[in-house]
Amino acid sequence: MVILDALEMTDKQATHQYIQCQLDFPDYYGRNLDALWDMLSIISEPLHIILINADKLPVNLGGYAELLIAVFCEAAEFNSALKFELV
């Protein structure tokens, strides 16, 4: 299980750096939504990602917050090894 804290996601760049670090993505991770989808869609070992303080995301990221959450949700629907939860 990996817990992501939305309070650490202060802007787009910080968000992707934080996600990369927490999920141990490789250096070539592109730090954008397409790259996030790519990485989440190929996870092969069971992984449960919990996003805490999700209600704070729109304050820091505006409309990007909704897009980010959608990528996690859609990737979890696509990839049976991935479970995503908002808290």
C-alpha atoms as a PDB file:
ATOM      1  CA  MET A   1       0.000   0.000   0.000  1.00  0.00           C
ATOM      2  CA  VAL A   2       1.131   3.518  -0.831  1.00  0.00           C
ATOM      3  CA  ILE A   3      -0.389   6.572   0.816  1.00  0.00           C
ATOM      4  CA  LEU A   4      -0.222   9.792  -1.162  1.00  0.00           C
ATOM      5  CA  ASP A   5      -0.903  13.010   0.751  1.00  0.00           C
ATOM      6  CA  ALA A   6      -2.518  15.735  -1.349  1.00  0.00           C
ATOM      7  CA  LEU A   7      -1.013  18.325   0.977  1.00  0.00           C
ATOM      8  CA  GLU A   8       2.366  17.495  -0.612  1.00  0.00           C
ATOM      9  CA  MET A   9       0.984  18.273  -4.077  1.00  0.00           C
ATOM     10  CA  THR A  10       1.439  22.027  -4.148  1.00  0.00           C
ATOM     11  CA  ASP A  11       1.708  22.499  -7.936  1.00  0.00           C
ATOM     12  CA  LYS A  12       1.963  20.307 -11.039  1.00  0.00           C
ATOM     13  CA  GLN A  13       5.731  19.876 -10.865  1.00  0.00           C
ATOM     14  CA  ALA A  14       5.745  19.095  -7.133  1.00  0.00           C
ATOM     15  CA  THR A  15       2.838  16.698  -7.630  1.00  0.00           C
ATOM     16  CA  HIS A  16       4.631  14.615 -10.227  1.00  0.00           C
ATOM     17  CA  GLN A  17       7.922  14.663  -8.305  1.00  0.00           C
ATOM     18  CA  TYR A  18       6.078  13.462  -5.195  1.00  0.00           C
ATOM     19  CA  ILE A  19       4.200  10.733  -7.082  1.00  0.00           C
ATOM     20  CA  GLN A  20       7.419   9.614  -8.759  1.00  0.00           C
ATOM     21  CA  CYS A  21       9.171   9.319  -5.415  1.00  0.00           C
ATOM     22  CA  GLN A  22       6.304   7.660  -3.535  1.00  0.00           C
ATOM     23  CA  LEU A  23       5.581   5.119  -6.270  1.00  0.00           C
ATOM     24  CA  ASP A  24       9.259   4.574  -7.080  1.00  0.00           C
ATOM     25  CA  PHE A  25       8.842   5.436 -10.744  1.00  0.00           C
ATOM     26  CA  PRO A  26      12.035   5.367 -12.854  1.00  0.00           C
ATOM     27  CA  ASP A  27      14.005   8.460 -13.820  1.00  0.00           C
ATOM     28  CA  TYR A  28      12.466   8.452 -17.286  1.00  0.00           C
ATOM     29  CA  TYR A  29       8.975   9.121 -15.848  1.00  0.00           C
ATOM     30  CA  GLY A  30       7.725  12.066 -17.905  1.00  0.00           C
ATOM     31  CA  ARG A  31       6.036  13.919 -15.014  1.00  0.00           C
ATOM     32  CA  ASN A  32       2.736  14.557 -16.770  1.00  0.00           C
ATOM     33  CA  LEU A  33      -0.688  12.886 -16.877  1.00  0.00           C
ATOM     34  CA  ASP A  34       0.094  10.763 -19.937  1.00  0.00           C
ATOM     35  CA  ALA A  35       3.253   9.461 -18.308  1.00  0.00           C
ATOM     36  CA  LEU A  36       1.338   8.783 -15.089  1.00  0.00           C
ATOM     37  CA  TRP A  37      -1.219   6.737 -17.011  1.00  0.00           C
ATOM     38  CA  ASP A  38       1.581   4.831 -18.733  1.00  0.00           C
ATOM     39  CA  MET A  39       3.239   3.941 -15.427  1.00  0.00           C
ATOM     40  CA  LEU A  40       0.004   3.014 -13.641  1.00  0.00           C
ATOM     41  CA  SER A  41      -1.242   0.897 -16.520  1.00  0.00           C
ATOM     42  CA  ILE A  42       1.808  -1.398 -16.481  1.00  0.00           C
ATOM     43  CA  ILE A  43       1.904  -2.136 -12.749  1.00  0.00           C
ATOM     44  CA  SER A  44       1.895  -5.908 -12.471  1.00  0.00           C
ATOM     45  CA  GLU A  45       2.118  -6.502  -8.720  1.00  0.00           C
ATOM     46  CA  PRO A  46      -0.968  -5.717  -6.620  1.00  0.00           C
ATOM     47  CA  LEU A  47      -0.818  -2.112  -5.447  1.00  0.00           C
ATOM     48  CA  HIS A  48      -3.304  -0.186  -3.331  1.00  0.00           C
ATOM     49  CA  ILE A  49      -2.896   3.592  -3.572  1.00  0.00           C
ATOM     50  CA  ILE A  50      -4.712   5.766  -1.055  1.00  0.00           C
ATOM     51  CA  LEU A  51      -4.916   9.507  -1.615  1.00  0.00           C
ATOM     52  CA  ILE A  52      -5.477  11.351   1.647  1.00  0.00           C
ATOM     53  CA  ASN A  53      -6.589  14.983   1.969  1.00  0.00           C
ATOM     54  CA  ALA A  54      -7.955  14.760  -1.575  1.00  0.00           C
ATOM     55  CA  ASP A  55     -10.348  17.626  -0.859  1.00  0.00           C
ATOM     56  CA  LYS A  56      -7.299  19.932  -0.693  1.00  0.00           C
ATOM     57  CA  LEU A  57      -6.138  19.180  -4.248  1.00  0.00           C
ATOM     58  CA  PRO A  58      -8.306  21.760  -6.053  1.00  0.00           C
ATOM     59  CA  VAL A  59      -6.892  24.532  -3.869  1.00  0.00           C
ATOM     60  CA  ASN A  60      -3.348  23.797  -5.072  1.00  0.00           C
ATOM     61  CA  LEU A  61      -3.961  22.385  -8.534  1.00  0.00           C
ATOM     62  CA  GLY A  62      -7.224  23.923  -9.717  1.00  0.00           C
ATOM     63  CA  GLY A  63      -8.811  21.963 -12.561  1.00  0.00           C
ATOM     64  CA  TYR A  64      -5.714  19.795 -12.863  1.00  0.00           C
ATOM     65  CA  ALA A  65      -6.795  18.057  -9.645  1.00  0.00           C
ATOM     66  CA  GLU A  66      -9.839  16.556 -11.335  1.00  0.00           C
ATOM     67  CA  LEU A  67      -7.739  15.346 -14.262  1.00  0.00           C
ATOM     68  CA  LEU A  68      -5.169  13.802 -11.922  1.00  0.00           C
ATOM     69  CA  ILE A  69      -7.802  11.899  -9.949  1.00  0.00           C
ATOM     70  CA  ALA A  70      -9.426  10.750 -13.188  1.00  0.00           C
ATOM     71  CA  VAL A  71      -6.120   9.239 -14.345  1.00  0.00           C
ATOM     72  CA  PHE A  72      -5.794   7.255 -11.110  1.00  0.00           C
ATOM     73  CA  CYS A  73      -9.422   6.084 -11.285  1.00  0.00           C
ATOM     74  CA  GLU A  74      -9.275   5.123 -14.954  1.00  0.00           C
ATOM     75  CA  ALA A  75      -5.961   3.325 -14.508  1.00  0.00           C
ATOM     76  CA  ALA A  76      -7.431   1.326 -11.616  1.00  0.00           C
ATOM     77  CA  GLU A  77     -10.382   0.343 -13.814  1.00  0.00           C
ATOM     78  CA  PHE A  78      -8.016  -0.665 -16.618  1.00  0.00           C
ATOM     79  CA  ASN A  79      -5.399  -2.450 -14.516  1.00  0.00           C
ATOM     80  CA  SER A  80      -6.712  -5.143 -12.161  1.00  0.00           C
ATOM     81  CA  ALA A  81      -3.459  -5.074 -10.142  1.00  0.00           C
ATOM     82  CA  LEU A  82      -4.146  -1.460  -9.134  1.00  0.00           C
ATOM     83  CA  LYS A  83      -6.625  -0.241  -6.528  1.00  0.00           C
ATOM     84  CA  PHE A  84      -7.154   3.482  -5.939  1.00  0.00           C
ATOM     85  CA  GLU A  85      -8.968   5.058  -3.034  1.00  0.00           C
ATOM     86  CA  LEU A  86      -9.719   8.631  -2.004  1.00  0.00           C
ATOM     87  CA  VAL A  87      -9.820   9.435   1.720  1.00  0.00           C
END
